[in-house]
Amino acid sequence: MNETTDPNSQILLVVIIAFYWAMISSWSQLLSRWNDERAKRAAKPARRDGSVEHTSSVDTPLDALREVDPKFDLPAFLHGARRAYEAILRAYADSDIQALRHLVGPEVFDAFGREIAGRQDRQEVLQLTFIGTREAKVVDAFEEYGIAKIVVRYVSDVVSVTRSANDAIVAGDPRQVVAVIDTWTFASGTPSTNRNWMLIATEGH
């Protein structure tokens, strides 16, 4: 038996195929432009301000910082950074607002304050046992608008447990040592011998 093809069906099929290829072409162009833009962004050096290019090398930023402050002592700074890291974590865990006020900048203080207030509202207690800092490494350093800034990456071991008012464990494990990785930014605008480094930004991993 011979079958005849409906002309309307053929026209509809042609329209669908044409629409399909138009969509493919459009997506191809969009993806091509997106890949080009991504490649440009990856190749372009990041900038801390409008005039100085920022690099990922540690030596170069430190050298630039020493040009501003020839007396900058990296070992002394890292020694203080380790002590500050532990002191700030302990003050945060103990809800010691007064200690935090002298160690961190306004934005970090506000963030820590909100977390502490939240724990208090929930009647929770954070028990932190600080085992030690495995690594404290400068990953960036630069001078911006007369302020020296240094970014430090920490790797530490802690035991952290949050308990409710009836001593039930809300988070953490009292028998587990956890490796914590933090990236903290310190800033100071005073001369090197009397620098008072303040924590101005935190980032966890």
N, C-alpha and C. Protein backbone atom coordinates (compact mmCIF):
# COMPACT_ATOMS: atom_id res chain seq x y z
N MET A 1 0.85 -1.19 0.00
CA MET A 1 0.00 0.00 0.00
C MET A 1 0.89 1.24 0.00
N ASN A 2 0.61 2.20 -0.87
CA ASN A 2 1.39 3.43 -0.94
C ASN A 2 0.87 4.44 0.06
N GLU A 3 1.82 5.09 0.73
CA GLU A 3 1.44 6.13 1.70
C GLU A 3 1.87 7.48 1.19
N THR A 4 1.09 8.47 1.36
CA THR A 4 1.43 9.83 0.96
C THR A 4 1.85 10.61 2.19
N THR A 5 2.82 11.46 2.00
CA THR A 5 3.33 12.28 3.11
C THR A 5 2.58 13.58 3.18
N ASP A 6 2.15 13.92 4.37
CA ASP A 6 1.40 15.16 4.58
C ASP A 6 2.34 16.35 4.38
N PRO A 7 2.08 17.24 3.43
CA PRO A 7 2.94 18.43 3.20
C PRO A 7 3.10 19.28 4.44
N ASN A 8 2.04 19.38 5.24
CA ASN A 8 2.12 20.18 6.45
C ASN A 8 3.12 19.59 7.44
N SER A 9 3.16 18.24 7.50
CA SER A 9 4.11 17.58 8.39
C SER A 9 5.54 17.85 7.94
N GLN A 10 5.76 17.83 6.61
CA GLN A 10 7.10 18.10 6.09
C GLN A 10 7.54 19.53 6.43
N ILE A 11 6.63 20.46 6.27
CA ILE A 11 6.95 21.86 6.57
C ILE A 11 7.28 22.01 8.05
N LEU A 12 6.48 21.36 8.91
CA LEU A 12 6.72 21.44 10.36
C LEU A 12 8.07 20.85 10.72
N LEU A 13 8.42 19.73 10.06
CA LEU A 13 9.71 19.09 10.32
C LEU A 13 10.87 20.00 9.92
N VAL A 14 10.74 20.66 8.79
CA VAL A 14 11.78 21.58 8.33
C VAL A 14 11.94 22.74 9.31
N VAL A 15 10.81 23.26 9.80
CA VAL A 15 10.85 24.37 10.76
C VAL A 15 11.55 23.94 12.05
N ILE A 16 11.22 22.73 12.53
CA ILE A 16 11.84 22.23 13.77
C ILE A 16 13.34 22.07 13.60
N ILE A 17 13.76 21.49 12.47
CA ILE A 17 15.19 21.29 12.21
C ILE A 17 15.91 22.63 12.13
N ALA A 18 15.29 23.61 11.44
CA ALA A 18 15.91 24.93 11.32
C ALA A 18 16.05 25.59 12.67
N PHE A 19 15.01 25.45 13.52
CA PHE A 19 15.05 26.04 14.87
C PHE A 19 16.14 25.38 15.70
N TYR A 20 16.25 24.05 15.56
CA TYR A 20 17.26 23.30 16.31
C TYR A 20 18.68 23.78 15.95
N TRP A 21 18.95 23.90 14.66
CA TRP A 21 20.30 24.33 14.24
C TRP A 21 20.57 25.78 14.64
N ALA A 22 19.53 26.59 14.65
CA ALA A 22 19.71 27.98 15.09
C ALA A 22 20.10 28.03 16.55
N MET A 23 19.46 27.17 17.37
CA MET A 23 19.79 27.11 18.80
C MET A 23 21.22 26.64 19.00
N ILE A 24 21.61 25.58 18.24
CA ILE A 24 22.98 25.06 18.36
C ILE A 24 23.99 26.13 18.01
N SER A 25 23.73 26.87 16.93
CA SER A 25 24.64 27.93 16.51
C SER A 25 24.73 29.03 17.56
N SER A 26 23.58 29.40 18.16
CA SER A 26 23.56 30.44 19.17
C SER A 26 24.36 30.04 20.40
N TRP A 27 24.15 28.80 20.89
CA TRP A 27 24.89 28.32 22.06
C TRP A 27 26.37 28.24 21.77
N SER A 28 26.72 27.82 20.55
CA SER A 28 28.12 27.72 20.18
C SER A 28 28.81 29.08 20.24
N GLN A 29 28.12 30.11 19.75
CA GLN A 29 28.67 31.46 19.78
C GLN A 29 28.81 31.95 21.21
N LEU A 30 27.79 31.68 22.05
CA LEU A 30 27.85 32.11 23.44
C LEU A 30 28.99 31.44 24.19
N LEU A 31 29.13 30.12 23.97
CA LEU A 31 30.21 29.38 24.64
C LEU A 31 31.57 29.88 24.19
N SER A 32 31.67 30.18 22.89
CA SER A 32 32.94 30.68 22.37
C SER A 32 33.31 32.00 23.02
N ARG A 33 32.31 32.93 23.14
CA ARG A 33 32.58 34.22 23.75
C ARG A 33 32.91 34.05 25.24
N TRP A 34 32.19 33.12 25.90
CA TRP A 34 32.43 32.88 27.33
C TRP A 34 33.84 32.35 27.56
N ASN A 35 34.27 31.40 26.70
CA ASN A 35 35.62 30.85 26.84
C ASN A 35 36.68 31.91 26.58
N ASP A 36 36.42 32.78 25.59
CA ASP A 36 37.37 33.85 25.29
C ASP A 36 37.50 34.79 26.48
N GLU A 37 36.36 35.17 27.09
CA GLU A 37 36.39 36.07 28.24
C GLU A 37 37.08 35.42 29.43
N ARG A 38 36.83 34.11 29.64
CA ARG A 38 37.46 33.42 30.76
C ARG A 38 38.97 33.36 30.58
N ALA A 39 39.40 33.13 29.31
CA ALA A 39 40.84 33.09 29.04
C ALA A 39 41.49 34.44 29.29
N LYS A 40 40.78 35.52 28.91
CA LYS A 40 41.31 36.87 29.13
C LYS A 40 41.44 37.16 30.62
N ARG A 41 40.40 36.76 31.40
CA ARG A 41 40.45 37.01 32.84
C ARG A 41 41.56 36.22 33.51
N ALA A 42 41.78 34.99 33.02
CA ALA A 42 42.82 34.15 33.62
C ALA A 42 44.21 34.70 33.30
N ALA A 43 44.35 35.29 32.10
CA ALA A 43 45.66 35.81 31.69
C ALA A 43 45.97 37.17 32.29
N LYS A 44 44.94 37.91 32.67
CA LYS A 44 45.13 39.27 33.18
C LYS A 44 45.52 39.24 34.65
N PRO A 45 46.63 39.90 35.02
CA PRO A 45 47.04 39.92 36.44
C PRO A 45 46.01 40.63 37.30
N ALA A 46 45.76 40.06 38.47
CA ALA A 46 44.85 40.72 39.42
C ALA A 46 45.51 41.97 39.97
N ARG A 47 44.73 42.95 40.36
CA ARG A 47 45.27 44.19 40.88
C ARG A 47 44.69 44.48 42.24
N ARG A 48 45.55 44.95 43.13
CA ARG A 48 45.09 45.38 44.45
C ARG A 48 44.57 46.80 44.41
N ASP A 49 45.09 47.58 43.48
CA ASP A 49 44.59 48.94 43.32
C ASP A 49 44.65 49.27 41.84
N GLY A 50 44.50 50.52 41.51
CA GLY A 50 44.44 50.88 40.10
C GLY A 50 45.78 50.97 39.40
N SER A 51 46.90 50.83 40.12
CA SER A 51 48.17 51.07 39.46
C SER A 51 49.20 49.97 39.65
N VAL A 52 49.10 49.16 40.67
CA VAL A 52 50.13 48.17 40.95
C VAL A 52 49.58 46.78 40.72
N GLU A 53 50.25 45.99 39.86
CA GLU A 53 49.81 44.63 39.61
C GLU A 53 50.17 43.75 40.79
N HIS A 54 49.28 42.82 41.11
CA HIS A 54 49.48 41.90 42.23
C HIS A 54 49.91 40.55 41.67
N THR A 55 50.94 39.94 42.24
CA THR A 55 51.40 38.64 41.79
C THR A 55 51.23 37.63 42.88
N SER A 56 51.29 36.32 42.51
CA SER A 56 51.11 35.25 43.48
C SER A 56 52.42 34.87 44.15
N SER A 57 53.54 35.42 43.72
CA SER A 57 54.83 35.11 44.32
C SER A 57 54.92 35.71 45.72
N VAL A 58 55.46 34.92 46.66
CA VAL A 58 55.58 35.42 48.03
C VAL A 58 56.76 36.38 48.14
N ASP A 59 57.90 36.04 47.50
CA ASP A 59 59.11 36.85 47.65
C ASP A 59 58.89 38.27 47.14
N THR A 60 58.25 38.41 46.00
CA THR A 60 58.07 39.73 45.42
C THR A 60 57.25 40.67 46.31
N PRO A 61 56.08 40.26 46.81
CA PRO A 61 55.35 41.16 47.71
C PRO A 61 56.12 41.48 48.99
N LEU A 62 56.83 40.49 49.54
CA LEU A 62 57.61 40.76 50.75
C LEU A 62 58.72 41.75 50.48
N ASP A 63 59.35 41.62 49.34
CA ASP A 63 60.39 42.59 48.96
C ASP A 63 59.79 43.98 48.82
N ALA A 64 58.60 44.04 48.23
CA ALA A 64 57.93 45.34 48.08
C ALA A 64 57.58 45.92 49.44
N LEU A 65 57.18 45.05 50.37
CA LEU A 65 56.85 45.53 51.71
C LEU A 65 58.10 46.04 52.42
N ARG A 66 59.22 45.37 52.21
CA ARG A 66 60.47 45.79 52.85
C ARG A 66 60.97 47.11 52.28
N GLU A 67 60.59 47.41 51.03
CA GLU A 67 60.96 48.71 50.48
C GLU A 67 60.25 49.82 51.25
N VAL A 68 59.03 49.56 51.66
CA VAL A 68 58.29 50.53 52.45
C VAL A 68 58.79 50.53 53.89
N ASP A 69 59.13 49.33 54.39
CA ASP A 69 59.56 49.17 55.78
C ASP A 69 60.82 48.30 55.82
N PRO A 70 62.01 48.89 55.68
CA PRO A 70 63.26 48.13 55.65
C PRO A 70 63.50 47.31 56.92
N LYS A 71 62.87 47.67 58.02
CA LYS A 71 63.10 46.97 59.28
C LYS A 71 62.12 45.82 59.51
N PHE A 72 61.30 45.53 58.53
CA PHE A 72 60.33 44.45 58.70
C PHE A 72 61.04 43.13 58.96
N ASP A 73 60.64 42.44 60.02
CA ASP A 73 61.26 41.19 60.45
C ASP A 73 60.25 40.06 60.28
N LEU A 74 60.41 39.25 59.23
CA LEU A 74 59.45 38.20 58.93
C LEU A 74 59.37 37.13 60.04
N PRO A 75 60.51 36.58 60.52
CA PRO A 75 60.42 35.58 61.59
C PRO A 75 59.70 36.11 62.84
N ALA A 76 59.98 37.35 63.20
CA ALA A 76 59.32 37.93 64.37
C ALA A 76 57.83 38.07 64.12
N PHE A 77 57.47 38.48 62.89
CA PHE A 77 56.06 38.63 62.56
C PHE A 77 55.34 37.28 62.66
N LEU A 78 55.94 36.23 62.09
CA LEU A 78 55.30 34.91 62.10
C LEU A 78 55.18 34.36 63.52
N HIS A 79 56.17 34.65 64.35
CA HIS A 79 56.09 34.23 65.75
C HIS A 79 54.88 34.89 66.43
N GLY A 80 54.73 36.18 66.18
CA GLY A 80 53.58 36.89 66.75
C GLY A 80 52.28 36.43 66.13
N ALA A 81 52.30 36.09 64.82
CA ALA A 81 51.08 35.65 64.14
C ALA A 81 50.59 34.32 64.70
N ARG A 82 51.52 33.44 65.04
CA ARG A 82 51.14 32.16 65.65
C ARG A 82 50.47 32.39 67.01
N ARG A 83 51.08 33.25 67.81
CA ARG A 83 50.53 33.54 69.14
C ARG A 83 49.16 34.21 69.01
N ALA A 84 49.04 35.13 68.05
CA ALA A 84 47.77 35.83 67.86
C ALA A 84 46.68 34.85 67.42
N TYR A 85 47.04 33.91 66.56
CA TYR A 85 46.06 32.94 66.06
C TYR A 85 45.45 32.15 67.21
N GLU A 86 46.32 31.63 68.07
CA GLU A 86 45.83 30.84 69.21
C GLU A 86 45.04 31.72 70.18
N ALA A 87 45.54 32.92 70.46
CA ALA A 87 44.86 33.80 71.41
C ALA A 87 43.47 34.19 70.91
N ILE A 88 43.35 34.47 69.62
CA ILE A 88 42.06 34.88 69.06
C ILE A 88 41.08 33.71 69.06
N LEU A 89 41.55 32.52 68.70
CA LEU A 89 40.67 31.35 68.72
C LEU A 89 40.18 31.07 70.14
N ARG A 90 41.09 31.16 71.12
CA ARG A 90 40.69 30.91 72.50
C ARG A 90 39.69 31.96 73.00
N ALA A 91 39.94 33.22 72.66
CA ALA A 91 39.03 34.29 73.08
C ALA A 91 37.66 34.11 72.44
N TYR A 92 37.64 33.69 71.18
CA TYR A 92 36.37 33.44 70.49
C TYR A 92 35.61 32.30 71.16
N ALA A 93 36.32 31.21 71.46
CA ALA A 93 35.68 30.06 72.09
C ALA A 93 35.19 30.40 73.49
N ASP A 94 35.96 31.22 74.21
CA ASP A 94 35.59 31.58 75.60
C ASP A 94 34.62 32.76 75.67
N SER A 95 34.22 33.27 74.49
CA SER A 95 33.32 34.44 74.44
C SER A 95 33.92 35.65 75.15
N ASP A 96 35.24 35.79 75.03
CA ASP A 96 35.94 36.89 75.69
C ASP A 96 35.96 38.11 74.78
N ILE A 97 34.91 38.89 74.86
CA ILE A 97 34.74 40.05 73.99
C ILE A 97 35.85 41.07 74.19
N GLN A 98 36.24 41.31 75.42
CA GLN A 98 37.26 42.33 75.70
C GLN A 98 38.60 41.97 75.08
N ALA A 99 38.97 40.71 75.14
CA ALA A 99 40.23 40.28 74.53
C ALA A 99 40.17 40.43 73.02
N LEU A 100 39.05 40.06 72.43
CA LEU A 100 38.90 40.17 70.98
C LEU A 100 38.96 41.62 70.52
N ARG A 101 38.44 42.53 71.33
CA ARG A 101 38.40 43.94 70.96
C ARG A 101 39.81 44.49 70.69
N HIS A 102 40.81 43.95 71.38
CA HIS A 102 42.18 44.45 71.24
C HIS A 102 42.98 43.68 70.19
N LEU A 103 42.39 42.62 69.63
CA LEU A 103 43.14 41.77 68.72
C LEU A 103 42.65 41.81 67.28
N VAL A 104 41.41 42.22 67.08
CA VAL A 104 40.83 42.16 65.74
C VAL A 104 40.24 43.51 65.34
N GLY A 105 40.11 43.70 64.02
CA GLY A 105 39.53 44.92 63.50
C GLY A 105 38.01 44.94 63.64
N PRO A 106 37.38 46.07 63.32
CA PRO A 106 35.94 46.24 63.53
C PRO A 106 35.08 45.20 62.82
N GLU A 107 35.39 44.88 61.56
CA GLU A 107 34.55 43.95 60.81
C GLU A 107 34.63 42.54 61.39
N VAL A 108 35.85 42.11 61.71
CA VAL A 108 36.02 40.78 62.30
C VAL A 108 35.39 40.75 63.69
N PHE A 109 35.55 41.83 64.44
CA PHE A 109 34.97 41.91 65.78
C PHE A 109 33.44 41.78 65.71
N ASP A 110 32.83 42.46 64.76
CA ASP A 110 31.38 42.39 64.61
C ASP A 110 30.93 40.97 64.25
N ALA A 111 31.68 40.32 63.34
CA ALA A 111 31.33 38.95 62.93
C ALA A 111 31.46 37.98 64.10
N PHE A 112 32.58 38.06 64.82
CA PHE A 112 32.78 37.20 65.98
C PHE A 112 31.73 37.49 67.06
N GLY A 113 31.42 38.77 67.24
CA GLY A 113 30.43 39.17 68.24
C GLY A 113 29.07 38.57 67.96
N ARG A 114 28.68 38.57 66.68
CA ARG A 114 27.38 37.98 66.32
C ARG A 114 27.36 36.48 66.60
N GLU A 115 28.47 35.80 66.28
CA GLU A 115 28.54 34.36 66.54
C GLU A 115 28.46 34.07 68.04
N ILE A 116 29.18 34.86 68.82
CA ILE A 116 29.17 34.67 70.27
C ILE A 116 27.79 34.94 70.84
N ALA A 117 27.15 36.01 70.37
CA ALA A 117 25.80 36.33 70.84
C ALA A 117 24.82 35.22 70.48
N GLY A 118 24.99 34.64 69.30
CA GLY A 118 24.12 33.54 68.88
C GLY A 118 24.28 32.33 69.79
N ARG A 119 25.53 32.02 70.15
CA ARG A 119 25.76 30.90 71.07
C ARG A 119 25.11 31.17 72.42
N GLN A 120 25.27 32.39 72.89
CA GLN A 120 24.69 32.74 74.19
C GLN A 120 23.17 32.67 74.16
N ASP A 121 22.56 33.12 73.07
CA ASP A 121 21.10 33.05 72.95
C ASP A 121 20.62 31.60 72.96
N ARG A 122 21.41 30.73 72.35
CA ARG A 122 21.04 29.31 72.30
C ARG A 122 21.50 28.55 73.54
N GLN A 123 22.18 29.28 74.44
CA GLN A 123 22.73 28.69 75.67
C GLN A 123 23.68 27.53 75.35
N GLU A 124 24.51 27.77 74.34
CA GLU A 124 25.50 26.78 73.94
C GLU A 124 26.89 27.20 74.41
N VAL A 125 27.75 26.21 74.58
CA VAL A 125 29.13 26.46 75.00
C VAL A 125 30.07 25.80 73.99
N LEU A 126 31.04 26.57 73.53
CA LEU A 126 32.05 26.04 72.61
C LEU A 126 33.29 25.66 73.41
N GLN A 127 33.64 24.38 73.41
CA GLN A 127 34.82 23.89 74.09
C GLN A 127 35.90 23.63 73.05
N LEU A 128 36.98 24.40 73.12
CA LEU A 128 38.04 24.31 72.12
C LEU A 128 39.35 23.91 72.79
N THR A 129 39.90 22.80 72.34
CA THR A 129 41.23 22.38 72.79
C THR A 129 42.20 22.60 71.65
N PHE A 130 43.12 23.51 71.85
CA PHE A 130 44.06 23.86 70.79
C PHE A 130 45.28 22.95 70.91
N ILE A 131 45.47 22.07 69.93
CA ILE A 131 46.59 21.12 69.95
C ILE A 131 47.88 21.80 69.51
N GLY A 132 47.80 22.57 68.45
CA GLY A 132 48.99 23.28 67.97
C GLY A 132 48.86 23.71 66.53
N THR A 133 49.76 24.59 66.10
CA THR A 133 49.78 25.09 64.73
C THR A 133 50.88 24.38 63.95
N ARG A 134 50.48 23.64 62.94
CA ARG A 134 51.46 22.93 62.11
C ARG A 134 52.18 23.87 61.15
N GLU A 135 51.45 24.87 60.68
CA GLU A 135 52.03 25.76 59.67
C GLU A 135 51.45 27.16 59.81
N ALA A 136 52.31 28.14 59.69
CA ALA A 136 51.89 29.54 59.59
C ALA A 136 52.78 30.14 58.50
N LYS A 137 52.20 30.37 57.34
CA LYS A 137 52.98 30.76 56.17
C LYS A 137 52.40 32.01 55.52
N VAL A 138 53.27 32.94 55.20
CA VAL A 138 52.85 34.15 54.49
C VAL A 138 52.57 33.78 53.03
N VAL A 139 51.36 34.05 52.58
CA VAL A 139 51.00 33.77 51.19
C VAL A 139 50.80 35.04 50.37
N ASP A 140 50.80 36.18 51.04
CA ASP A 140 50.68 37.45 50.33
C ASP A 140 51.09 38.58 51.26
N ALA A 141 51.60 39.65 50.68
CA ALA A 141 51.97 40.84 51.46
C ALA A 141 51.99 42.02 50.51
N PHE A 142 51.42 43.13 50.97
CA PHE A 142 51.38 44.31 50.12
C PHE A 142 51.12 45.54 50.97
N GLU A 143 51.35 46.69 50.37
CA GLU A 143 51.10 47.96 51.04
C GLU A 143 50.04 48.69 50.24
N GLU A 144 49.01 49.18 50.94
CA GLU A 144 47.89 49.81 50.28
C GLU A 144 47.44 51.04 51.05
N TYR A 145 47.55 52.20 50.41
CA TYR A 145 47.14 53.47 51.04
C TYR A 145 47.84 53.68 52.38
N GLY A 146 49.12 53.33 52.43
CA GLY A 146 49.89 53.54 53.65
C GLY A 146 49.70 52.48 54.71
N ILE A 147 48.90 51.45 54.42
CA ILE A 147 48.65 50.36 55.36
C ILE A 147 49.35 49.10 54.87
N ALA A 148 50.19 48.50 55.72
CA ALA A 148 50.83 47.24 55.38
C ALA A 148 49.86 46.11 55.69
N LYS A 149 49.72 45.16 54.75
CA LYS A 149 48.82 44.03 54.93
C LYS A 149 49.55 42.73 54.62
N ILE A 150 49.37 41.75 55.47
CA ILE A 150 50.02 40.46 55.28
C ILE A 150 48.97 39.36 55.45
N VAL A 151 48.95 38.44 54.50
CA VAL A 151 48.00 37.33 54.52
C VAL A 151 48.75 36.07 54.95
N VAL A 152 48.23 35.41 55.97
CA VAL A 152 48.88 34.22 56.54
C VAL A 152 47.95 33.03 56.42
N ARG A 153 48.50 31.92 55.96
CA ARG A 153 47.75 30.66 55.89
C ARG A 153 48.17 29.79 57.06
N TYR A 154 47.17 29.39 57.85
CA TYR A 154 47.42 28.55 59.02
C TYR A 154 46.89 27.13 58.79
N VAL A 155 47.64 26.16 59.27
CA VAL A 155 47.15 24.79 59.36
C VAL A 155 47.33 24.38 60.82
N SER A 156 46.22 24.11 61.51
CA SER A 156 46.30 23.81 62.94
C SER A 156 45.47 22.58 63.26
N ASP A 157 45.75 22.01 64.42
CA ASP A 157 45.00 20.86 64.93
C ASP A 157 44.24 21.28 66.17
N VAL A 158 42.94 21.03 66.17
CA VAL A 158 42.10 21.40 67.30
C VAL A 158 41.08 20.30 67.59
N VAL A 159 40.58 20.31 68.79
CA VAL A 159 39.42 19.51 69.16
C VAL A 159 38.32 20.50 69.52
N SER A 160 37.23 20.45 68.78
CA SER A 160 36.16 21.45 68.96
C SER A 160 34.83 20.75 69.22
N VAL A 161 34.17 21.16 70.29
CA VAL A 161 32.87 20.58 70.65
C VAL A 161 31.94 21.70 71.09
N THR A 162 30.75 21.73 70.55
CA THR A 162 29.72 22.67 70.99
C THR A 162 28.66 21.89 71.76
N ARG A 163 28.39 22.34 72.99
CA ARG A 163 27.42 21.63 73.85
C ARG A 163 26.24 22.54 74.18
N SER A 164 25.11 21.91 74.35
CA SER A 164 23.89 22.64 74.70
C SER A 164 23.85 22.88 76.21
N ALA A 165 22.78 23.53 76.67
CA ALA A 165 22.65 23.85 78.09
C ALA A 165 22.60 22.60 78.96
N ASN A 166 22.10 21.49 78.41
CA ASN A 166 22.05 20.25 79.18
C ASN A 166 23.24 19.34 78.88
N ASP A 167 24.31 19.92 78.32
CA ASP A 167 25.59 19.24 78.07
C ASP A 167 25.53 18.24 76.91
N ALA A 168 24.49 18.30 76.11
CA ALA A 168 24.42 17.43 74.93
C ALA A 168 25.31 18.01 73.83
N ILE A 169 25.92 17.13 73.05
CA ILE A 169 26.80 17.57 71.97
C ILE A 169 25.97 18.05 70.78
N VAL A 170 26.15 19.31 70.42
CA VAL A 170 25.45 19.89 69.29
C VAL A 170 26.27 19.76 68.03
N ALA A 171 27.58 19.92 68.15
CA ALA A 171 28.48 19.82 67.00
C ALA A 171 29.86 19.41 67.50
N GLY A 172 30.61 18.77 66.61
CA GLY A 172 31.97 18.38 66.96
C GLY A 172 32.04 17.02 67.63
N ASP A 173 33.28 16.62 67.96
CA ASP A 173 33.53 15.33 68.58
C ASP A 173 34.68 15.50 69.58
N PRO A 174 34.44 15.25 70.86
CA PRO A 174 35.50 15.45 71.86
C PRO A 174 36.67 14.49 71.72
N ARG A 175 36.52 13.47 70.89
CA ARG A 175 37.60 12.48 70.72
C ARG A 175 38.31 12.60 69.39
N GLN A 176 37.94 13.61 68.61
CA GLN A 176 38.51 13.74 67.26
C GLN A 176 39.33 15.02 67.11
N VAL A 177 40.57 14.85 66.69
CA VAL A 177 41.42 15.99 66.37
C VAL A 177 41.17 16.37 64.91
N VAL A 178 40.83 17.62 64.69
CA VAL A 178 40.48 18.09 63.35
C VAL A 178 41.54 19.05 62.84
N ALA A 179 41.95 18.86 61.60
CA ALA A 179 42.88 19.79 60.96
C ALA A 179 42.09 20.98 60.41
N VAL A 180 42.45 22.17 60.83
CA VAL A 180 41.74 23.39 60.42
C VAL A 180 42.68 24.25 59.57
N ILE A 181 42.18 24.70 58.44
CA ILE A 181 42.96 25.58 57.56
C ILE A 181 42.26 26.94 57.50
N ASP A 182 42.98 27.96 57.88
CA ASP A 182 42.44 29.32 57.88
C ASP A 182 43.40 30.25 57.13
N THR A 183 42.85 31.24 56.48
CA THR A 183 43.64 32.30 55.87
C THR A 183 43.23 33.62 56.50
N TRP A 184 44.16 34.23 57.21
CA TRP A 184 43.87 35.47 57.93
C TRP A 184 44.70 36.61 57.36
N THR A 185 44.09 37.80 57.33
CA THR A 185 44.79 38.99 56.86
C THR A 185 45.00 39.95 58.03
N PHE A 186 46.27 40.33 58.21
CA PHE A 186 46.64 41.27 59.27
C PHE A 186 47.03 42.60 58.64
N ALA A 187 46.78 43.69 59.36
CA ALA A 187 47.09 45.01 58.84
C ALA A 187 47.71 45.86 59.94
N SER A 188 48.57 46.78 59.52
CA SER A 188 49.18 47.72 60.45
C SER A 188 49.60 48.98 59.70
N GLY A 189 49.42 50.11 60.35
CA GLY A 189 49.81 51.36 59.72
C GLY A 189 50.86 52.12 60.49
N THR A 190 51.48 51.46 61.48
CA THR A 190 52.48 52.12 62.32
C THR A 190 53.87 51.69 61.92
N PRO A 191 54.94 52.43 62.31
CA PRO A 191 56.32 52.06 61.97
C PRO A 191 56.67 50.66 62.47
N SER A 192 57.66 50.04 61.82
CA SER A 192 57.97 48.63 62.01
C SER A 192 58.27 48.24 63.45
N THR A 193 59.07 49.03 64.17
CA THR A 193 59.49 48.62 65.51
C THR A 193 58.33 48.61 66.50
N ASN A 194 57.29 49.36 66.20
CA ASN A 194 56.15 49.43 67.12
C ASN A 194 54.85 49.00 66.46
N ARG A 195 54.97 48.17 65.41
CA ARG A 195 53.76 47.78 64.68
C ARG A 195 52.77 47.04 65.58
N ASN A 196 51.53 47.41 65.45
CA ASN A 196 50.46 46.72 66.15
C ASN A 196 49.58 46.06 65.09
N TRP A 197 49.86 44.79 64.80
CA TRP A 197 49.14 44.09 63.75
C TRP A 197 47.75 43.70 64.23
N MET A 198 46.76 43.99 63.39
CA MET A 198 45.37 43.73 63.73
C MET A 198 44.77 42.79 62.69
N LEU A 199 44.01 41.79 63.16
CA LEU A 199 43.32 40.89 62.24
C LEU A 199 42.15 41.61 61.61
N ILE A 200 42.14 41.72 60.27
CA ILE A 200 41.08 42.48 59.60
C ILE A 200 40.19 41.61 58.70
N ALA A 201 40.60 40.37 58.43
CA ALA A 201 39.78 39.51 57.58
C ALA A 201 40.13 38.05 57.84
N THR A 202 39.14 37.19 57.75
CA THR A 202 39.35 35.75 57.96
C THR A 202 38.67 34.98 56.83
N GLU A 203 39.26 33.83 56.51
CA GLU A 203 38.68 32.95 55.51
C GLU A 203 39.01 31.51 55.86
N GLY A 204 37.98 30.67 56.01
CA GLY A 204 38.18 29.27 56.33
C GLY A 204 38.13 28.43 55.07
N HIS A 205 38.68 27.23 55.15
CA HIS A 205 38.70 26.33 53.99
C HIS A 205 38.08 24.99 54.34
